[in-house]
Protein backbone atom coordinates (compact mmCIF):
# COMPACT_ATOMS: atom_id res chain seq x y z
CA MET A 1 132.76 116.76 90.28
CA ARG A 2 130.39 114.90 92.50
CA TYR A 3 127.38 113.19 90.89
CA MET A 4 124.48 111.65 92.75
CA ILE A 5 123.90 108.00 91.95
CA VAL A 6 120.79 105.90 92.55
CA ILE A 7 121.28 102.27 93.56
CA GLU A 8 118.41 99.83 93.29
CA GLU A 9 118.38 96.26 94.54
CA GLY A 10 116.70 93.71 92.29
CA GLU A 11 115.94 90.06 92.91
CA THR A 12 119.37 88.87 91.78
CA SER A 13 121.46 91.99 91.22
CA PHE A 14 122.03 95.66 91.92
CA GLY A 15 121.59 98.44 89.39
CA ALA A 16 122.85 102.01 89.50
CA TYR A 17 122.26 105.09 87.40
CA VAL A 18 123.15 108.77 87.36
CA PRO A 19 120.16 111.10 86.96
CA ASP A 20 122.33 113.89 85.57
CA LEU A 21 124.05 111.70 82.95
CA GLU A 22 121.51 110.15 80.61
CA GLY A 23 122.34 106.53 79.78
CA CYS A 24 125.05 106.18 82.42
CA VAL A 25 124.20 102.90 84.16
CA ALA A 26 125.80 99.85 85.76
CA VAL A 27 124.63 96.43 86.94
CA ALA A 28 126.42 94.00 89.25
CA GLU A 29 125.84 91.13 91.65
CA THR A 30 126.79 93.11 94.77
CA GLU A 31 126.26 96.66 95.99
CA SER A 32 129.97 97.32 96.39
CA GLU A 33 130.64 96.08 92.86
CA VAL A 34 127.90 98.26 91.34
CA LYS A 35 129.33 101.30 93.15
CA ARG A 36 132.74 100.61 91.64
CA LEU A 37 131.26 100.03 88.19
CA ILE A 38 129.10 103.16 88.20
CA GLN A 39 132.12 105.27 89.15
CA GLU A 40 134.00 103.80 86.19
CA ALA A 41 130.96 104.36 83.96
CA ILE A 42 130.81 108.03 85.00
CA GLU A 43 134.49 108.53 84.22
CA ILE A 44 134.12 106.90 80.78
CA HIS A 45 130.91 108.82 80.06
CA LEU A 46 132.53 112.16 80.87
CA GLU A 47 135.63 111.29 78.86
CA ASP A 48 133.48 110.38 75.85
CA LEU A 49 131.57 113.66 76.12
CA GLN A 50 134.81 115.60 76.36
CA ASN A 51 136.31 113.79 73.35
CA ALA A 52 133.17 114.58 71.34
CA GLY A 53 133.47 118.26 72.23
CA ALA A 54 130.18 118.16 74.16
CA ALA A 55 129.54 120.07 77.37
CA ILE A 56 129.98 118.21 80.63
CA PRO A 57 126.63 118.29 82.48
CA LYS A 58 126.78 119.95 85.87
CA PRO A 59 125.63 117.78 88.76
CA LEU A 60 122.19 119.14 89.67
CA SER A 61 120.35 116.22 91.27
CA LYS A 62 120.11 115.77 95.00
CA SER A 63 118.24 113.40 97.25
CA GLU A 64 116.19 113.63 100.40
CA TYR A 65 114.29 111.18 102.54
CA VAL A 66 110.72 111.81 103.67
CA GLU A 67 109.19 110.17 106.73
CA VAL A 68 105.68 108.86 106.26
CA LEU A 69 103.31 106.94 108.51
CA ALA A 70 102.46 103.48 107.23
CA ALA A 71 99.42 101.61 108.45
């Protein structure tokens, strides 16, 4: 499966989350590290759901960019 992730840069770190997997998050000092950690978090999250007998959420989120004029 392929899940969309959102990466946000803070003052001292990067955060990532998965809109389709509630509570699946990661934080790291670098963007590359947070990408690695969120992938691991997704794998663990899905494994936990499967072990609990819960349904695996289908990836539904997608992203787009919108151009706007800024004054």
